[in-house]
Amino acid sequence: MKARFDTAQESVTVRQIDGIDYVYICLNENIVKEIPDGQEEEQTYHEYDYKEIIEYIWVLDIYDVKTNPEKYLNYEKATVKTDKERIAELEAMNAELSTTVDSILTDVLPTLMGA
């Protein structure tokens, strides 16, 4: 997303309010001059690739965000899976693990034991 400001912005600004991190990322500054509709005077804007992230404190590594903000330009908040989704995922992993153990017991071990 692009955003325009009247003044230059820091690449990362963090505000912590009531247990929540508000992170504003502004990268790849481009100075744009244009005459807005209905005006005669040219305006100068600072245009950035922009991302706003809102997460509970401790979800994000703020030091990493500040040192590597480009990694967070496409940040998407993790979605919370429902209990049904988590159970289905665990059942699929369990079935895969059972198949692997069965294969080891019926194919691999007998071969190693010389049977």
N, C-alpha and C. Protein backbone atom coordinates (compact mmCIF):
# COMPACT_ATOMS: atom_id res chain seq x y z
N MET A 1 0.85 -1.16 0.00
CA MET A 1 0.00 0.00 0.00
C MET A 1 0.90 1.24 0.00
N LYS A 2 0.48 2.26 -0.68
CA LYS A 2 1.20 3.53 -0.72
C LYS A 2 0.51 4.51 0.23
N ALA A 3 1.32 5.37 0.84
CA ALA A 3 0.77 6.42 1.70
C ALA A 3 1.56 7.70 1.46
N ARG A 4 0.88 8.82 1.56
CA ARG A 4 1.51 10.13 1.39
C ARG A 4 1.44 10.92 2.68
N PHE A 5 2.53 11.67 2.92
CA PHE A 5 2.62 12.51 4.11
C PHE A 5 3.14 13.88 3.69
N ASP A 6 2.85 14.88 4.49
CA ASP A 6 3.35 16.23 4.22
C ASP A 6 4.82 16.37 4.62
N THR A 7 5.27 15.53 5.54
CA THR A 7 6.65 15.59 6.02
C THR A 7 7.31 14.22 5.89
N ALA A 8 8.64 14.21 5.91
CA ALA A 8 9.39 12.95 5.86
C ALA A 8 9.08 12.12 7.11
N GLN A 9 9.05 10.80 6.94
CA GLN A 9 8.70 9.90 8.04
C GLN A 9 9.88 8.99 8.38
N GLU A 10 9.92 8.54 9.64
CA GLU A 10 10.88 7.52 10.05
C GLU A 10 10.49 6.22 9.36
N SER A 11 11.47 5.33 9.14
CA SER A 11 11.14 4.07 8.47
C SER A 11 10.24 3.19 9.35
N VAL A 12 10.43 3.24 10.67
CA VAL A 12 9.57 2.48 11.58
C VAL A 12 9.23 3.35 12.79
N THR A 13 7.95 3.43 13.09
CA THR A 13 7.47 4.12 14.28
C THR A 13 6.63 3.12 15.06
N VAL A 14 6.89 3.02 16.38
CA VAL A 14 6.15 2.08 17.22
C VAL A 14 5.52 2.86 18.36
N ARG A 15 4.25 2.61 18.59
CA ARG A 15 3.53 3.17 19.72
C ARG A 15 2.97 1.99 20.51
N GLN A 16 3.19 1.98 21.81
CA GLN A 16 2.64 0.93 22.66
C GLN A 16 1.58 1.54 23.56
N ILE A 17 0.34 1.10 23.36
CA ILE A 17 -0.79 1.66 24.10
C ILE A 17 -1.65 0.51 24.61
N ASP A 18 -1.85 0.47 25.92
CA ASP A 18 -2.73 -0.52 26.55
C ASP A 18 -2.43 -1.95 26.12
N GLY A 19 -1.16 -2.32 26.11
CA GLY A 19 -0.77 -3.69 25.79
C GLY A 19 -0.79 -4.03 24.32
N ILE A 20 -0.86 -3.03 23.48
CA ILE A 20 -0.91 -3.26 22.03
C ILE A 20 0.20 -2.47 21.35
N ASP A 21 0.90 -3.12 20.42
CA ASP A 21 1.90 -2.45 19.58
C ASP A 21 1.21 -1.92 18.33
N TYR A 22 1.40 -0.65 18.07
CA TYR A 22 0.97 -0.04 16.82
C TYR A 22 2.25 0.27 16.05
N VAL A 23 2.47 -0.42 14.95
CA VAL A 23 3.71 -0.30 14.18
C VAL A 23 3.38 0.31 12.83
N TYR A 24 4.11 1.36 12.49
CA TYR A 24 3.92 2.05 11.21
C TYR A 24 5.23 1.97 10.44
N ILE A 25 5.19 1.38 9.26
CA ILE A 25 6.39 1.21 8.44
C ILE A 25 6.26 2.06 7.19
N CYS A 26 7.28 2.88 6.93
CA CYS A 26 7.34 3.75 5.74
C CYS A 26 8.68 3.51 5.05
N LEU A 27 8.66 2.91 3.88
CA LEU A 27 9.89 2.60 3.15
C LEU A 27 9.83 3.14 1.73
N ASN A 28 11.00 3.24 1.13
CA ASN A 28 11.13 3.63 -0.29
C ASN A 28 10.51 4.99 -0.57
N GLU A 29 11.00 5.98 0.13
CA GLU A 29 10.46 7.33 -0.03
C GLU A 29 10.59 7.83 -1.46
N ASN A 30 9.53 8.44 -1.91
CA ASN A 30 9.50 9.07 -3.23
C ASN A 30 8.85 10.45 -3.04
N ILE A 31 9.56 11.49 -3.45
CA ILE A 31 9.01 12.84 -3.31
C ILE A 31 8.18 13.15 -4.56
N VAL A 32 6.92 13.48 -4.31
CA VAL A 32 5.97 13.72 -5.39
C VAL A 32 5.54 15.18 -5.33
N LYS A 33 5.58 15.84 -6.48
CA LYS A 33 5.09 17.23 -6.58
C LYS A 33 3.95 17.24 -7.56
N GLU A 34 2.85 17.82 -7.12
CA GLU A 34 1.68 17.90 -8.01
C GLU A 34 0.78 19.05 -7.57
N ILE A 35 -0.07 19.43 -8.49
CA ILE A 35 -1.06 20.47 -8.19
C ILE A 35 -2.39 19.75 -7.97
N PRO A 36 -2.87 19.76 -6.72
CA PRO A 36 -4.14 19.09 -6.43
C PRO A 36 -5.31 19.72 -7.20
N ASP A 37 -6.32 18.93 -7.48
CA ASP A 37 -7.51 19.43 -8.16
C ASP A 37 -8.10 20.61 -7.41
N GLY A 38 -8.42 21.64 -8.13
CA GLY A 38 -9.05 22.82 -7.55
C GLY A 38 -8.07 23.79 -6.92
N GLN A 39 -6.78 23.50 -7.01
CA GLN A 39 -5.79 24.41 -6.44
C GLN A 39 -4.82 24.87 -7.52
N GLU A 40 -4.14 25.93 -7.26
CA GLU A 40 -3.18 26.45 -8.23
C GLU A 40 -1.74 26.24 -7.79
N GLU A 41 -1.56 26.01 -6.50
CA GLU A 41 -0.22 25.91 -5.95
C GLU A 41 0.25 24.45 -5.91
N GLU A 42 1.49 24.23 -6.33
CA GLU A 42 2.07 22.89 -6.31
C GLU A 42 2.32 22.44 -4.87
N GLN A 43 2.00 21.19 -4.59
CA GLN A 43 2.22 20.60 -3.27
C GLN A 43 3.31 19.54 -3.37
N THR A 44 4.09 19.41 -2.31
CA THR A 44 5.12 18.38 -2.25
C THR A 44 4.71 17.35 -1.21
N TYR A 45 4.74 16.07 -1.59
CA TYR A 45 4.38 14.98 -0.71
C TYR A 45 5.55 14.00 -0.60
N HIS A 46 5.59 13.31 0.51
CA HIS A 46 6.53 12.21 0.71
C HIS A 46 5.70 10.94 0.61
N GLU A 47 5.93 10.17 -0.43
CA GLU A 47 5.15 8.96 -0.67
C GLU A 47 5.99 7.74 -0.30
N TYR A 48 5.37 6.79 0.38
CA TYR A 48 6.08 5.61 0.88
C TYR A 48 5.31 4.33 0.59
N ASP A 49 6.05 3.22 0.54
CA ASP A 49 5.43 1.91 0.69
C ASP A 49 5.10 1.83 2.18
N TYR A 50 3.85 1.54 2.49
CA TYR A 50 3.37 1.72 3.86
C TYR A 50 2.69 0.46 4.38
N LYS A 51 2.93 0.18 5.66
CA LYS A 51 2.25 -0.92 6.33
C LYS A 51 1.97 -0.51 7.76
N GLU A 52 0.78 -0.77 8.21
CA GLU A 52 0.38 -0.53 9.59
C GLU A 52 0.06 -1.88 10.21
N ILE A 53 0.71 -2.18 11.33
CA ILE A 53 0.52 -3.47 12.00
C ILE A 53 0.05 -3.20 13.42
N ILE A 54 -0.98 -3.92 13.83
CA ILE A 54 -1.49 -3.81 15.19
C ILE A 54 -1.50 -5.22 15.78
N GLU A 55 -0.69 -5.42 16.82
CA GLU A 55 -0.57 -6.73 17.47
C GLU A 55 -0.43 -6.52 18.97
N TYR A 56 -0.77 -7.55 19.73
CA TYR A 56 -0.50 -7.50 21.17
C TYR A 56 1.00 -7.42 21.39
N ILE A 57 1.40 -6.75 22.46
CA ILE A 57 2.82 -6.66 22.81
C ILE A 57 3.37 -8.07 22.95
N TRP A 58 4.57 -8.30 22.49
CA TRP A 58 5.33 -9.54 22.51
C TRP A 58 5.01 -10.45 21.34
N VAL A 59 4.04 -10.14 20.51
CA VAL A 59 3.79 -10.95 19.32
C VAL A 59 4.90 -10.69 18.30
N LEU A 60 5.25 -9.42 18.13
CA LEU A 60 6.29 -9.04 17.17
C LEU A 60 7.63 -8.83 17.89
N ASP A 61 8.70 -9.15 17.20
CA ASP A 61 10.04 -8.82 17.68
C ASP A 61 10.32 -7.39 17.19
N ILE A 62 10.09 -6.42 18.05
CA ILE A 62 10.19 -5.02 17.65
C ILE A 62 11.60 -4.68 17.17
N TYR A 63 12.61 -5.27 17.80
CA TYR A 63 13.99 -5.03 17.35
C TYR A 63 14.15 -5.49 15.90
N ASP A 64 13.60 -6.66 15.58
CA ASP A 64 13.70 -7.17 14.21
C ASP A 64 12.91 -6.29 13.24
N VAL A 65 11.75 -5.83 13.66
CA VAL A 65 10.96 -4.94 12.80
C VAL A 65 11.76 -3.68 12.49
N LYS A 66 12.42 -3.12 13.51
CA LYS A 66 13.17 -1.88 13.32
C LYS A 66 14.43 -2.09 12.46
N THR A 67 15.06 -3.26 12.58
CA THR A 67 16.29 -3.50 11.82
C THR A 67 16.02 -4.09 10.44
N ASN A 68 14.88 -4.74 10.25
CA ASN A 68 14.53 -5.35 8.96
C ASN A 68 13.10 -5.03 8.56
N PRO A 69 12.74 -3.76 8.45
CA PRO A 69 11.34 -3.41 8.20
C PRO A 69 10.80 -3.95 6.88
N GLU A 70 11.68 -4.14 5.89
CA GLU A 70 11.21 -4.64 4.59
C GLU A 70 10.57 -6.03 4.71
N LYS A 71 11.00 -6.81 5.71
CA LYS A 71 10.40 -8.14 5.92
C LYS A 71 8.94 -8.03 6.35
N TYR A 72 8.55 -6.89 6.86
CA TYR A 72 7.21 -6.74 7.44
C TYR A 72 6.24 -5.96 6.56
N LEU A 73 6.69 -5.55 5.37
CA LEU A 73 5.78 -4.79 4.49
C LEU A 73 4.57 -5.61 4.07
N ASN A 74 4.72 -6.94 4.01
CA ASN A 74 3.60 -7.80 3.63
C ASN A 74 3.09 -8.63 4.81
N TYR A 75 3.35 -8.18 6.01
CA TYR A 75 2.95 -8.90 7.22
C TYR A 75 1.44 -9.08 7.26
N GLU A 76 1.04 -10.29 7.56
CA GLU A 76 -0.38 -10.59 7.75
C GLU A 76 -0.56 -11.18 9.14
N LYS A 77 -1.52 -10.69 9.83
CA LYS A 77 -1.81 -11.18 11.16
C LYS A 77 -2.20 -12.65 11.08
N ALA A 78 -1.63 -13.46 11.97
CA ALA A 78 -1.94 -14.89 11.98
C ALA A 78 -3.41 -15.09 12.33
N THR A 79 -4.03 -15.98 11.59
CA THR A 79 -5.43 -16.28 11.88
C THR A 79 -5.49 -17.38 12.93
N VAL A 80 -6.43 -17.29 13.82
CA VAL A 80 -6.60 -18.28 14.86
C VAL A 80 -7.47 -19.40 14.31
N LYS A 81 -6.94 -20.62 14.37
CA LYS A 81 -7.70 -21.77 13.86
C LYS A 81 -8.76 -22.17 14.88
N THR A 82 -9.86 -22.69 14.35
CA THR A 82 -10.90 -23.20 15.22
C THR A 82 -10.45 -24.54 15.81
N ASP A 83 -11.14 -24.99 16.85
CA ASP A 83 -10.80 -26.28 17.45
C ASP A 83 -10.94 -27.40 16.41
N LYS A 84 -11.97 -27.35 15.58
CA LYS A 84 -12.17 -28.37 14.55
C LYS A 84 -10.99 -28.41 13.58
N GLU A 85 -10.51 -27.23 13.18
CA GLU A 85 -9.37 -27.16 12.25
C GLU A 85 -8.11 -27.73 12.90
N ARG A 86 -7.88 -27.39 14.17
CA ARG A 86 -6.69 -27.90 14.86
C ARG A 86 -6.77 -29.42 15.04
N ILE A 87 -7.94 -29.93 15.38
CA ILE A 87 -8.12 -31.38 15.56
C ILE A 87 -7.89 -32.10 14.23
N ALA A 88 -8.45 -31.57 13.15
CA ALA A 88 -8.26 -32.20 11.83
C ALA A 88 -6.78 -32.21 11.45
N GLU A 89 -6.08 -31.13 11.74
CA GLU A 89 -4.65 -31.05 11.43
C GLU A 89 -3.87 -32.08 12.24
N LEU A 90 -4.19 -32.21 13.53
CA LEU A 90 -3.52 -33.18 14.38
C LEU A 90 -3.83 -34.61 13.96
N GLU A 91 -5.07 -34.86 13.56
CA GLU A 91 -5.44 -36.20 13.10
C GLU A 91 -4.67 -36.57 11.83
N ALA A 92 -4.50 -35.61 10.91
CA ALA A 92 -3.75 -35.87 9.68
C ALA A 92 -2.28 -36.16 9.99
N MET A 93 -1.70 -35.40 10.92
CA MET A 93 -0.30 -35.64 11.31
C MET A 93 -0.16 -36.99 11.99
N ASN A 94 -1.14 -37.35 12.82
CA ASN A 94 -1.12 -38.63 13.51
C ASN A 94 -1.20 -39.79 12.51
N ALA A 95 -2.06 -39.67 11.51
CA ALA A 95 -2.19 -40.71 10.49
C ALA A 95 -0.88 -40.87 9.71
N GLU A 96 -0.24 -39.75 9.38
CA GLU A 96 1.03 -39.80 8.65
C GLU A 96 2.12 -40.45 9.51
N LEU A 97 2.15 -40.13 10.78
CA LEU A 97 3.12 -40.71 11.69
C LEU A 97 2.88 -42.21 11.85
N SER A 98 1.62 -42.62 11.96
CA SER A 98 1.29 -44.05 12.08
C SER A 98 1.74 -44.82 10.85
N THR A 99 1.52 -44.25 9.67
CA THR A 99 1.95 -44.89 8.42
C THR A 99 3.46 -45.05 8.39
N THR A 100 4.18 -44.04 8.83
CA THR A 100 5.65 -44.09 8.85
C THR A 100 6.14 -45.16 9.82
N VAL A 101 5.56 -45.22 11.01
CA VAL A 101 5.96 -46.24 12.00
C VAL A 101 5.65 -47.63 11.47
N ASP A 102 4.47 -47.83 10.88
CA ASP A 102 4.12 -49.13 10.30
C ASP A 102 5.13 -49.54 9.24
N SER A 103 5.52 -48.60 8.40
CA SER A 103 6.49 -48.88 7.34
C SER A 103 7.83 -49.29 7.94
N ILE A 104 8.24 -48.63 8.99
CA ILE A 104 9.51 -48.97 9.64
C ILE A 104 9.44 -50.37 10.23
N LEU A 105 8.33 -50.68 10.89
CA LEU A 105 8.19 -51.98 11.53
C LEU A 105 8.06 -53.13 10.54
N THR A 106 7.40 -52.91 9.43
CA THR A 106 7.16 -54.01 8.48
C THR A 106 8.18 -54.11 7.35
N ASP A 107 8.83 -52.99 7.00
CA ASP A 107 9.76 -53.02 5.86
C ASP A 107 11.21 -52.81 6.27
N VAL A 108 11.47 -51.80 7.04
CA VAL A 108 12.85 -51.40 7.33
C VAL A 108 13.51 -52.33 8.34
N LEU A 109 12.87 -52.55 9.48
CA LEU A 109 13.48 -53.38 10.53
C LEU A 109 13.75 -54.82 10.08
N PRO A 110 12.78 -55.47 9.43
CA PRO A 110 13.08 -56.84 8.97
C PRO A 110 14.27 -56.89 8.01
N THR A 111 14.40 -55.89 7.15
CA THR A 111 15.52 -55.84 6.22
C THR A 111 16.83 -55.67 6.98
N LEU A 112 16.84 -54.80 7.97
CA LEU A 112 18.05 -54.60 8.77
C LEU A 112 18.41 -55.82 9.61
N MET A 113 17.41 -56.57 10.05
CA MET A 113 17.65 -57.75 10.88
C MET A 113 18.00 -58.97 10.03
N GLY A 114 17.91 -58.82 8.71
CA GLY A 114 18.26 -59.93 7.81
C GLY A 114 17.17 -60.94 7.64
N ALA A 115 15.96 -60.54 7.90
CA ALA A 115 14.86 -61.49 7.77
C ALA A 115 14.34 -61.56 6.36
